[in-house]
């Protein structure tokens, strides 16, 4: 199995989530690999559990999880996932975590091993707004990213989190193009480093 892509359900009173709207528009095949799409709940812990379960079941080469970061001015691949939860708003189950670790016994952070600088360059070359981000925040997006990178050795995939901006910056079709470009680069990187 090739690529697992995820986006989130709406949260915070929104009717849609641009991350899922973009993921839905990514082609069903990238560089000859099948693409599977999964919508995650915006719930601490539950989203990460669902993701790990699907990775264990599907055994993808590449997993790219997407979330929305309103206020950002570009598509932003995330370099780092931190062992930290701090929510300014409740998740969709009403949970609020303040100043807590995700895993008290886990490392402080994980870094993706995928070529995020090259992904930014490729998206920019394709005319898309893109830049590198060093913070996936401390909400459910980061929770999922920490789980994604933390289970790479167990399941053999390579993972990335990509924040999409609001639709005023990049519409769903543009964001989908960026996601597909990152997935293709990730697949090429995995194949080159086998």
N, C-alpha and C. Protein backbone atom coordinates (compact mmCIF):
# COMPACT_ATOMS: atom_id res chain seq x y z
N UNK A 1 0.85 -1.18 0.00
CA UNK A 1 0.00 0.00 0.00
C UNK A 1 0.88 1.23 0.00
N UNK A 2 0.49 2.23 -0.73
CA UNK A 2 1.36 3.38 -0.93
C UNK A 2 1.25 4.50 0.07
N UNK A 3 0.16 5.27 0.00
CA UNK A 3 0.06 6.52 0.76
C UNK A 3 -1.23 6.55 1.56
N UNK A 4 -1.11 6.91 2.83
CA UNK A 4 -2.28 7.20 3.66
C UNK A 4 -2.29 8.70 3.90
N UNK A 5 -3.40 9.34 3.54
CA UNK A 5 -3.58 10.77 3.76
C UNK A 5 -4.71 10.97 4.75
N UNK A 6 -4.52 11.90 5.68
CA UNK A 6 -5.59 12.20 6.63
C UNK A 6 -5.85 13.70 6.68
N UNK A 7 -7.10 14.03 6.98
CA UNK A 7 -7.52 15.38 7.29
C UNK A 7 -8.44 15.28 8.50
N UNK A 8 -8.87 16.42 9.00
CA UNK A 8 -9.70 16.44 10.21
C UNK A 8 -11.14 16.83 9.92
N UNK A 9 -12.01 16.37 10.81
CA UNK A 9 -13.40 16.84 10.81
C UNK A 9 -13.42 18.30 11.27
N UNK A 10 -14.53 19.01 11.00
CA UNK A 10 -14.64 20.40 11.48
C UNK A 10 -14.57 20.48 13.00
N UNK A 11 -14.12 21.62 13.50
CA UNK A 11 -14.04 21.85 14.95
C UNK A 11 -14.22 23.33 15.22
N UNK A 12 -14.40 23.66 16.48
CA UNK A 12 -14.50 25.06 16.88
C UNK A 12 -15.69 25.79 16.27
N UNK A 13 -16.76 25.07 15.93
CA UNK A 13 -17.95 25.70 15.37
C UNK A 13 -17.94 25.87 13.86
N UNK A 14 -16.87 25.46 13.19
CA UNK A 14 -16.80 25.57 11.72
C UNK A 14 -17.67 24.50 11.06
N UNK A 15 -18.15 24.80 9.85
CA UNK A 15 -18.97 23.84 9.10
C UNK A 15 -18.12 22.84 8.32
N UNK A 16 -16.93 23.25 7.94
CA UNK A 16 -16.03 22.38 7.18
C UNK A 16 -14.62 22.53 7.74
N UNK A 17 -13.76 21.61 7.35
CA UNK A 17 -12.35 21.72 7.71
C UNK A 17 -11.55 21.70 6.41
N UNK A 18 -10.83 22.78 6.10
CA UNK A 18 -10.08 22.84 4.84
C UNK A 18 -9.08 21.70 4.65
N UNK A 19 -8.60 21.11 5.74
CA UNK A 19 -7.66 19.99 5.59
C UNK A 19 -8.35 18.80 4.94
N UNK A 20 -9.55 18.47 5.40
CA UNK A 20 -10.27 17.33 4.82
C UNK A 20 -10.75 17.65 3.40
N UNK A 21 -11.20 18.89 3.19
CA UNK A 21 -11.65 19.26 1.84
C UNK A 21 -10.51 19.13 0.84
N UNK A 22 -9.28 19.45 1.26
CA UNK A 22 -8.12 19.30 0.37
C UNK A 22 -7.77 17.83 0.16
N UNK A 23 -7.71 17.06 1.25
CA UNK A 23 -7.36 15.64 1.14
C UNK A 23 -8.34 14.91 0.23
N UNK A 24 -9.62 15.23 0.34
CA UNK A 24 -10.64 14.58 -0.52
C UNK A 24 -10.35 14.77 -2.00
N UNK A 25 -9.69 15.87 -2.36
CA UNK A 25 -9.46 16.20 -3.77
C UNK A 25 -8.13 15.65 -4.32
N UNK A 26 -7.33 15.05 -3.49
CA UNK A 26 -6.07 14.46 -3.96
C UNK A 26 -6.40 13.24 -4.82
N UNK A 27 -5.69 13.02 -5.93
CA UNK A 27 -5.97 11.86 -6.78
C UNK A 27 -5.88 10.54 -6.01
N UNK A 28 -6.56 9.52 -6.54
CA UNK A 28 -6.59 8.20 -5.91
C UNK A 28 -5.28 7.44 -6.11
N UNK A 29 -4.42 7.97 -6.98
CA UNK A 29 -3.13 7.34 -7.23
C UNK A 29 -2.08 8.42 -7.42
N UNK A 30 -0.91 8.23 -6.81
CA UNK A 30 0.21 9.16 -6.95
C UNK A 30 1.45 8.35 -7.29
N UNK A 31 2.09 8.70 -8.40
CA UNK A 31 3.33 8.03 -8.84
C UNK A 31 3.18 6.51 -8.87
N UNK A 32 1.99 6.06 -9.28
CA UNK A 32 1.75 4.62 -9.38
C UNK A 32 1.36 3.94 -8.08
N UNK A 33 1.25 4.71 -6.99
CA UNK A 33 0.89 4.14 -5.68
C UNK A 33 -0.55 4.51 -5.34
N UNK A 34 -1.24 3.57 -4.72
CA UNK A 34 -2.61 3.80 -4.28
C UNK A 34 -2.63 4.77 -3.10
N UNK A 35 -3.66 5.61 -3.09
CA UNK A 35 -3.85 6.59 -2.01
C UNK A 35 -5.12 6.23 -1.24
N UNK A 36 -4.99 6.12 0.07
CA UNK A 36 -6.15 5.90 0.95
C UNK A 36 -6.32 7.16 1.79
N UNK A 37 -7.58 7.57 1.96
CA UNK A 37 -7.87 8.81 2.68
C UNK A 37 -8.71 8.51 3.92
N UNK A 38 -8.39 9.20 5.00
CA UNK A 38 -9.03 8.96 6.29
C UNK A 38 -9.33 10.29 6.96
N UNK A 39 -10.58 10.47 7.40
CA UNK A 39 -10.94 11.67 8.16
C UNK A 39 -10.84 11.37 9.64
N UNK A 40 -10.03 12.15 10.33
CA UNK A 40 -9.79 11.95 11.76
C UNK A 40 -10.72 12.83 12.60
N UNK A 41 -11.11 12.34 13.77
CA UNK A 41 -11.86 13.18 14.70
C UNK A 41 -10.93 14.21 15.33
N UNK A 42 -11.45 15.38 15.59
CA UNK A 42 -10.66 16.40 16.26
C UNK A 42 -10.79 16.20 17.77
N UNK A 43 -10.17 15.09 18.21
CA UNK A 43 -10.27 14.68 19.61
C UNK A 43 -8.89 14.18 20.05
N UNK A 44 -8.38 14.78 21.13
CA UNK A 44 -7.10 14.34 21.69
C UNK A 44 -7.15 12.83 21.97
N UNK A 45 -6.08 12.14 21.62
CA UNK A 45 -5.97 10.72 21.90
C UNK A 45 -6.72 9.85 20.91
N UNK A 46 -7.99 10.12 20.69
CA UNK A 46 -8.81 9.30 19.79
C UNK A 46 -8.30 9.37 18.36
N UNK A 47 -7.93 10.56 17.89
CA UNK A 47 -7.42 10.70 16.53
C UNK A 47 -6.12 9.91 16.36
N UNK A 48 -5.24 10.00 17.33
CA UNK A 48 -3.96 9.28 17.27
C UNK A 48 -4.18 7.77 17.28
N UNK A 49 -5.11 7.30 18.10
CA UNK A 49 -5.40 5.86 18.15
C UNK A 49 -5.94 5.36 16.82
N UNK A 50 -6.86 6.09 16.23
CA UNK A 50 -7.42 5.72 14.93
C UNK A 50 -6.33 5.69 13.87
N UNK A 51 -5.47 6.69 13.87
CA UNK A 51 -4.37 6.75 12.91
C UNK A 51 -3.45 5.54 13.06
N UNK A 52 -3.01 5.25 14.28
CA UNK A 52 -2.12 4.10 14.50
C UNK A 52 -2.77 2.80 14.05
N UNK A 53 -4.06 2.66 14.30
CA UNK A 53 -4.78 1.45 13.88
C UNK A 53 -4.79 1.28 12.37
N UNK A 54 -5.01 2.38 11.66
CA UNK A 54 -5.03 2.31 10.19
C UNK A 54 -3.63 2.06 9.63
N UNK A 55 -2.62 2.65 10.24
CA UNK A 55 -1.24 2.39 9.80
C UNK A 55 -0.91 0.91 10.00
N UNK A 56 -1.28 0.36 11.14
CA UNK A 56 -1.01 -1.06 11.41
C UNK A 56 -1.75 -1.95 10.42
N UNK A 57 -2.96 -1.57 10.04
CA UNK A 57 -3.77 -2.38 9.13
C UNK A 57 -3.28 -2.27 7.69
N UNK A 58 -2.96 -1.05 7.25
CA UNK A 58 -2.63 -0.80 5.84
C UNK A 58 -1.15 -0.95 5.51
N UNK A 59 -0.29 -0.66 6.48
CA UNK A 59 1.17 -0.67 6.28
C UNK A 59 1.59 0.19 5.08
N UNK A 60 1.25 1.48 5.08
CA UNK A 60 1.63 2.36 3.97
C UNK A 60 3.11 2.68 3.96
N UNK A 61 3.61 3.07 2.81
CA UNK A 61 4.98 3.55 2.69
C UNK A 61 5.11 4.94 3.31
N UNK A 62 4.11 5.77 3.03
CA UNK A 62 4.13 7.18 3.43
C UNK A 62 2.79 7.54 4.06
N UNK A 63 2.84 8.32 5.14
CA UNK A 63 1.63 8.85 5.76
C UNK A 63 1.79 10.37 5.86
N UNK A 64 0.83 11.09 5.28
CA UNK A 64 0.81 12.55 5.42
C UNK A 64 -0.50 12.94 6.07
N UNK A 65 -0.39 13.50 7.25
CA UNK A 65 -1.55 13.98 8.00
C UNK A 65 -1.65 15.49 7.77
N UNK A 66 -2.87 15.95 7.57
CA UNK A 66 -3.08 17.38 7.27
C UNK A 66 -4.05 17.98 8.28
N UNK A 67 -3.80 19.22 8.59
CA UNK A 67 -4.68 20.00 9.46
C UNK A 67 -4.73 21.42 8.96
N UNK A 68 -5.65 22.19 9.51
CA UNK A 68 -5.78 23.59 9.10
C UNK A 68 -5.10 24.49 10.12
N UNK A 69 -4.44 25.52 9.61
CA UNK A 69 -3.86 26.56 10.47
C UNK A 69 -4.32 27.90 9.93
N UNK A 70 -5.51 28.31 10.36
CA UNK A 70 -6.03 29.61 9.93
C UNK A 70 -5.07 30.70 10.40
N UNK A 71 -4.85 31.67 9.57
CA UNK A 71 -3.94 32.75 9.91
C UNK A 71 -2.57 32.58 9.26
N UNK A 72 -2.24 31.36 8.85
CA UNK A 72 -0.97 31.16 8.12
C UNK A 72 -1.15 31.60 6.68
N UNK A 73 -0.05 31.94 6.07
CA UNK A 73 -0.12 32.48 4.70
C UNK A 73 0.43 31.51 3.66
N UNK A 74 0.61 30.24 4.06
CA UNK A 74 1.15 29.27 3.11
C UNK A 74 0.88 27.85 3.59
N UNK A 75 1.12 26.91 2.68
CA UNK A 75 1.13 25.49 3.02
C UNK A 75 2.42 25.24 3.79
N UNK A 76 2.33 24.60 4.94
CA UNK A 76 3.51 24.49 5.79
C UNK A 76 3.77 23.05 6.25
N UNK A 77 4.73 22.37 5.62
CA UNK A 77 5.18 21.09 6.17
C UNK A 77 5.80 21.34 7.55
N UNK A 78 5.50 20.46 8.48
CA UNK A 78 5.99 20.60 9.85
C UNK A 78 7.25 19.75 10.05
N UNK A 79 8.28 20.35 10.60
CA UNK A 79 9.53 19.64 10.85
C UNK A 79 9.47 18.83 12.15
N UNK A 80 8.78 19.35 13.17
CA UNK A 80 8.89 18.81 14.53
C UNK A 80 7.52 18.54 15.14
N UNK A 81 7.41 17.42 15.86
CA UNK A 81 6.26 17.13 16.73
C UNK A 81 6.77 17.12 18.16
N UNK A 82 6.10 17.84 19.04
CA UNK A 82 6.56 17.94 20.43
C UNK A 82 5.66 17.16 21.38
N UNK A 83 6.23 16.71 22.48
CA UNK A 83 5.52 15.94 23.50
C UNK A 83 4.81 16.91 24.45
N UNK A 84 3.75 17.55 23.93
CA UNK A 84 3.13 18.62 24.70
C UNK A 84 1.70 18.84 24.23
N UNK A 85 0.79 19.00 25.20
CA UNK A 85 -0.61 19.33 24.92
C UNK A 85 -0.96 20.62 25.66
N UNK A 86 -1.53 21.54 24.91
CA UNK A 86 -1.99 22.79 25.52
C UNK A 86 -3.04 23.37 24.57
N UNK A 87 -4.28 23.35 24.99
CA UNK A 87 -5.38 23.74 24.11
C UNK A 87 -6.03 25.03 24.56
N UNK A 88 -6.19 25.95 23.62
CA UNK A 88 -6.89 27.19 23.95
C UNK A 88 -8.40 27.02 23.81
N UNK A 89 -8.81 25.97 23.06
CA UNK A 89 -10.24 25.65 22.91
C UNK A 89 -10.41 24.14 23.17
N UNK A 90 -11.62 23.72 23.60
CA UNK A 90 -11.85 22.29 23.79
C UNK A 90 -11.80 21.54 22.45
N UNK A 91 -11.45 20.26 22.49
CA UNK A 91 -11.57 19.44 21.29
C UNK A 91 -13.04 19.07 21.11
N UNK A 92 -13.36 18.25 20.12
CA UNK A 92 -14.77 17.94 19.83
C UNK A 92 -15.41 17.01 20.86
N UNK A 93 -14.63 16.53 21.82
CA UNK A 93 -15.19 15.76 22.93
C UNK A 93 -15.26 16.62 24.19
N UNK A 94 -14.93 17.90 24.06
CA UNK A 94 -14.99 18.81 25.20
C UNK A 94 -13.77 18.79 26.10
N UNK A 95 -12.72 18.07 25.68
CA UNK A 95 -11.51 17.97 26.50
C UNK A 95 -10.63 19.20 26.33
N UNK A 96 -10.04 19.64 27.43
CA UNK A 96 -9.04 20.70 27.39
C UNK A 96 -7.83 20.22 28.16
N UNK A 97 -6.68 20.27 27.54
CA UNK A 97 -5.42 19.93 28.21
C UNK A 97 -4.59 21.18 28.32
N UNK A 98 -4.05 21.43 29.49
CA UNK A 98 -3.20 22.60 29.70
C UNK A 98 -1.85 22.16 30.23
N UNK A 99 -0.80 22.48 29.49
CA UNK A 99 0.57 22.27 29.95
C UNK A 99 0.83 20.83 30.40
N UNK A 100 0.49 19.86 29.53
CA UNK A 100 0.67 18.45 29.86
C UNK A 100 1.45 17.73 28.76
N UNK A 101 2.20 16.69 29.12
CA UNK A 101 2.85 15.88 28.08
C UNK A 101 1.83 14.96 27.41
N UNK A 102 2.10 14.62 26.16
CA UNK A 102 1.30 13.60 25.48
C UNK A 102 1.63 12.24 26.08
N UNK A 103 2.92 11.97 26.22
CA UNK A 103 3.41 10.70 26.76
C UNK A 103 4.48 11.02 27.81
N UNK A 104 4.15 10.86 29.10
CA UNK A 104 5.11 11.20 30.16
C UNK A 104 6.44 10.46 30.04
N UNK A 105 6.43 9.31 29.37
CA UNK A 105 7.65 8.52 29.23
C UNK A 105 8.29 8.67 27.86
N UNK A 106 7.71 9.49 26.99
CA UNK A 106 8.20 9.62 25.62
C UNK A 106 9.25 10.69 25.48
N UNK A 107 9.94 10.72 24.34
CA UNK A 107 10.93 11.77 24.09
C UNK A 107 10.27 13.14 23.98
N UNK A 108 11.06 14.18 24.17
CA UNK A 108 10.53 15.55 24.12
C UNK A 108 10.00 15.91 22.74
N UNK A 109 10.58 15.34 21.69
CA UNK A 109 10.17 15.69 20.34
C UNK A 109 10.61 14.61 19.35
N UNK A 110 9.96 14.60 18.20
CA UNK A 110 10.38 13.81 17.05
C UNK A 110 10.51 14.76 15.86
N UNK A 111 11.43 14.44 14.95
CA UNK A 111 11.56 15.22 13.71
C UNK A 111 11.29 14.29 12.54
N UNK A 112 10.58 14.80 11.54
CA UNK A 112 10.35 14.02 10.33
C UNK A 112 11.68 13.74 9.63
N UNK A 113 11.74 12.61 8.96
CA UNK A 113 12.92 12.27 8.17
C UNK A 113 12.69 12.48 6.69
N UNK A 114 11.57 13.08 6.35
CA UNK A 114 11.26 13.37 4.95
C UNK A 114 11.86 14.72 4.54
N UNK A 115 12.06 14.94 3.24
CA UNK A 115 12.77 16.14 2.77
C UNK A 115 11.87 17.38 2.71
N UNK A 116 11.60 17.95 3.88
CA UNK A 116 10.65 19.07 3.96
C UNK A 116 11.13 20.32 3.23
N UNK A 117 12.42 20.57 3.22
CA UNK A 117 12.92 21.76 2.50
C UNK A 117 12.68 21.60 1.00
N UNK A 118 12.93 20.41 0.48
CA UNK A 118 12.66 20.14 -0.93
C UNK A 118 11.18 20.23 -1.26
N UNK A 119 10.34 19.81 -0.33
CA UNK A 119 8.89 19.91 -0.54
C UNK A 119 8.45 21.36 -0.66
N UNK A 120 8.98 22.19 0.22
CA UNK A 120 8.67 23.62 0.15
C UNK A 120 9.11 24.19 -1.19
N UNK A 121 10.33 23.86 -1.62
CA UNK A 121 10.83 24.34 -2.92
C UNK A 121 9.94 23.88 -4.07
N UNK A 122 9.51 22.62 -4.03
CA UNK A 122 8.68 22.07 -5.10
C UNK A 122 7.32 22.75 -5.16
N UNK A 123 6.73 23.00 -4.00
CA UNK A 123 5.44 23.69 -3.99
C UNK A 123 5.58 25.11 -4.49
N UNK A 124 6.63 25.80 -4.07
CA UNK A 124 6.85 27.17 -4.56
C UNK A 124 7.07 27.19 -6.07
N UNK A 125 7.84 26.21 -6.57
CA UNK A 125 8.09 26.13 -8.01
C UNK A 125 6.81 25.88 -8.79
N UNK A 126 5.82 25.23 -8.14
CA UNK A 126 4.53 24.97 -8.77
C UNK A 126 3.57 26.15 -8.61
N UNK A 127 4.06 27.25 -8.04
CA UNK A 127 3.24 28.44 -7.89
C UNK A 127 2.34 28.44 -6.67
N UNK A 128 2.63 27.56 -5.72
CA UNK A 128 1.83 27.49 -4.50
C UNK A 128 2.53 28.21 -3.36
N UNK A 129 1.77 28.85 -2.48
CA UNK A 129 2.39 29.49 -1.31
C UNK A 129 2.85 28.40 -0.34
N UNK A 130 4.13 28.38 -0.02
CA UNK A 130 4.66 27.32 0.84
C UNK A 130 5.83 27.83 1.66
N UNK A 131 5.94 27.33 2.89
CA UNK A 131 7.08 27.65 3.74
C UNK A 131 7.20 26.57 4.80
N UNK A 132 8.37 26.46 5.39
CA UNK A 132 8.61 25.46 6.43
C UNK A 132 8.09 25.97 7.77
N UNK A 133 7.52 25.07 8.56
CA UNK A 133 7.08 25.43 9.90
C UNK A 133 7.84 24.59 10.92
N UNK A 134 8.20 25.22 12.01
CA UNK A 134 8.90 24.54 13.10
C UNK A 134 7.99 24.25 14.28
N UNK A 135 6.67 24.49 14.12
CA UNK A 135 5.75 24.24 15.22
C UNK A 135 4.40 23.79 14.71
N UNK A 136 4.04 22.56 15.06
CA UNK A 136 2.71 22.04 14.73
C UNK A 136 1.69 22.41 15.81
N UNK A 137 2.10 23.32 16.70
CA UNK A 137 1.21 23.76 17.77
C UNK A 137 1.18 22.78 18.92
N UNK A 138 0.11 22.82 19.71
CA UNK A 138 -0.03 21.91 20.85
C UNK A 138 -1.46 21.39 20.95
N UNK A 139 -2.18 21.50 19.82
CA UNK A 139 -3.58 21.03 19.76
C UNK A 139 -3.59 19.62 19.16
N UNK A 140 -4.69 19.18 18.62
CA UNK A 140 -4.83 17.80 18.14
C UNK A 140 -3.91 17.51 16.97
N UNK A 141 -3.59 18.51 16.15
CA UNK A 141 -2.66 18.30 15.04
C UNK A 141 -1.31 17.78 15.54
N UNK A 142 -0.77 18.44 16.53
CA UNK A 142 0.52 18.02 17.09
C UNK A 142 0.39 16.66 17.78
N UNK A 143 -0.74 16.42 18.44
CA UNK A 143 -0.99 15.14 19.09
C UNK A 143 -0.87 14.00 18.07
N UNK A 144 -1.50 14.19 16.92
CA UNK A 144 -1.46 13.20 15.84
C UNK A 144 -0.05 13.06 15.27
N UNK A 145 0.63 14.19 15.10
CA UNK A 145 1.98 14.15 14.52
C UNK A 145 2.95 13.41 15.44
N UNK A 146 2.82 13.63 16.73
CA UNK A 146 3.69 12.95 17.69
C UNK A 146 3.47 11.43 17.60
N UNK A 147 2.22 11.02 17.50
CA UNK A 147 1.91 9.59 17.36
C UNK A 147 2.42 9.05 16.04
N UNK A 148 2.25 9.81 14.97
CA UNK A 148 2.67 9.38 13.63
C UNK A 148 4.17 9.11 13.58
N UNK A 149 4.96 10.05 14.08
CA UNK A 149 6.42 9.87 14.04
C UNK A 149 6.87 8.85 15.07
N UNK A 150 6.16 8.75 16.16
CA UNK A 150 6.55 7.83 17.22
C UNK A 150 6.37 6.36 16.87
N UNK A 151 5.54 6.07 15.87
CA UNK A 151 5.33 4.66 15.50
C UNK A 151 5.98 4.29 14.17
N UNK A 152 6.85 5.14 13.65
CA UNK A 152 7.52 4.84 12.38
C UNK A 152 8.34 3.55 12.44
N UNK A 153 9.11 3.38 13.47
CA UNK A 153 9.97 2.20 13.55
C UNK A 153 9.14 0.92 13.63
N UNK A 154 8.02 0.98 14.33
CA UNK A 154 7.18 -0.21 14.50
C UNK A 154 6.53 -0.63 13.19
N UNK A 155 6.14 0.34 12.36
CA UNK A 155 5.37 0.00 11.17
C UNK A 155 6.08 0.26 9.84
N UNK A 156 7.24 0.91 9.87
CA UNK A 156 8.05 1.04 8.67
C UNK A 156 7.66 2.13 7.69
N UNK A 157 6.77 3.03 8.09
CA UNK A 157 6.38 4.13 7.20
C UNK A 157 7.28 5.35 7.46
N UNK A 158 7.12 6.36 6.63
CA UNK A 158 7.70 7.68 6.88
C UNK A 158 6.53 8.66 6.96
N UNK A 159 6.59 9.57 7.93
CA UNK A 159 5.46 10.44 8.18
C UNK A 159 5.78 11.92 8.07
N UNK A 160 4.72 12.67 7.79
CA UNK A 160 4.79 14.13 7.69
C UNK A 160 3.46 14.72 8.11
N UNK A 161 3.51 15.87 8.76
CA UNK A 161 2.29 16.66 8.98
C UNK A 161 2.39 17.92 8.14
N UNK A 162 1.30 18.24 7.47
CA UNK A 162 1.24 19.42 6.61
C UNK A 162 0.04 20.26 7.01
N UNK A 163 0.31 21.49 7.42
CA UNK A 163 -0.79 22.41 7.70
C UNK A 163 -1.18 23.15 6.43
N UNK A 164 -2.49 23.20 6.18
CA UNK A 164 -2.98 24.01 5.07
C UNK A 164 -3.52 25.31 5.66
N UNK A 165 -3.40 26.40 4.93
CA UNK A 165 -3.94 27.67 5.44
C UNK A 165 -5.45 27.73 5.19
N UNK A 166 -6.06 28.80 5.62
CA UNK A 166 -7.47 29.01 5.33
C UNK A 166 -7.70 29.13 3.83
N UNK A 167 -8.94 28.94 3.41
CA UNK A 167 -9.25 28.96 1.98
C UNK A 167 -9.09 30.34 1.35
N UNK A 168 -8.94 31.37 2.16
CA UNK A 168 -8.67 32.71 1.61
C UNK A 168 -7.25 32.79 1.06
N UNK A 169 -6.37 31.88 1.49
CA UNK A 169 -4.98 31.85 1.03
C UNK A 169 -4.79 30.80 -0.06
N UNK A 170 -5.32 29.61 0.15
CA UNK A 170 -5.23 28.51 -0.83
C UNK A 170 -6.53 27.74 -0.79
N UNK A 171 -7.20 27.63 -1.94
CA UNK A 171 -8.45 26.87 -1.95
C UNK A 171 -8.15 25.37 -1.89
N UNK A 172 -9.19 24.57 -1.80
CA UNK A 172 -9.02 23.13 -1.61
C UNK A 172 -8.24 22.49 -2.75
N UNK A 173 -8.45 22.95 -3.98
CA UNK A 173 -7.74 22.38 -5.13
C UNK A 173 -6.25 22.71 -5.07
N UNK A 174 -5.91 23.92 -4.69
CA UNK A 174 -4.50 24.30 -4.55
C UNK A 174 -3.84 23.50 -3.42
N UNK A 175 -4.52 23.41 -2.29
CA UNK A 175 -3.97 22.65 -1.17
C UNK A 175 -3.79 21.18 -1.56
N UNK A 176 -4.74 20.63 -2.30
CA UNK A 176 -4.63 19.24 -2.76
C UNK A 176 -3.41 19.05 -3.66
N UNK A 177 -3.13 20.03 -4.51
CA UNK A 177 -1.93 19.95 -5.37
C UNK A 177 -0.67 19.91 -4.51
N UNK A 178 -0.64 20.74 -3.49
CA UNK A 178 0.51 20.75 -2.59
C UNK A 178 0.69 19.44 -1.85
N UNK A 179 -0.41 18.87 -1.37
CA UNK A 179 -0.35 17.58 -0.67
C UNK A 179 0.16 16.50 -1.61
N UNK A 180 -0.36 16.48 -2.83
CA UNK A 180 0.06 15.47 -3.80
C UNK A 180 1.55 15.61 -4.14
N UNK A 181 2.02 16.84 -4.29
CA UNK A 181 3.45 17.06 -4.55
C UNK A 181 4.31 16.53 -3.40
N UNK A 182 3.91 16.81 -2.18
CA UNK A 182 4.66 16.33 -1.02
C UNK A 182 4.64 14.81 -0.96
N UNK A 183 3.49 14.21 -1.26
CA UNK A 183 3.40 12.75 -1.24
C UNK A 183 4.31 12.12 -2.28
N UNK A 184 4.34 12.71 -3.47
CA UNK A 184 5.21 12.17 -4.52
C UNK A 184 6.68 12.26 -4.12
N UNK A 185 7.08 13.40 -3.56
CA UNK A 185 8.46 13.55 -3.10
C UNK A 185 8.78 12.57 -1.98
N UNK A 186 7.83 12.36 -1.07
CA UNK A 186 8.04 11.43 0.03
C UNK A 186 8.22 10.00 -0.50
N UNK A 187 7.40 9.61 -1.46
CA UNK A 187 7.51 8.27 -2.05
C UNK A 187 8.87 8.10 -2.72
N UNK A 188 9.29 9.11 -3.46
CA UNK A 188 10.60 9.05 -4.13
C UNK A 188 11.73 8.95 -3.12
N UNK A 189 11.62 9.69 -2.03
CA UNK A 189 12.65 9.66 -0.98
C UNK A 189 12.71 8.29 -0.32
N UNK A 190 11.56 7.71 -0.03
CA UNK A 190 11.53 6.39 0.59
C UNK A 190 12.13 5.35 -0.34
N UNK A 191 11.77 5.42 -1.63
CA UNK A 191 12.32 4.46 -2.61
C UNK A 191 13.82 4.60 -2.74
N UNK A 192 14.31 5.83 -2.71
CA UNK A 192 15.77 6.07 -2.87
C UNK A 192 16.56 5.63 -1.66
N UNK A 193 15.91 5.54 -0.52
CA UNK A 193 16.64 5.22 0.72
C UNK A 193 16.34 3.82 1.26
N UNK A 194 15.76 2.96 0.42
CA UNK A 194 15.49 1.58 0.86
C UNK A 194 16.77 0.79 0.89
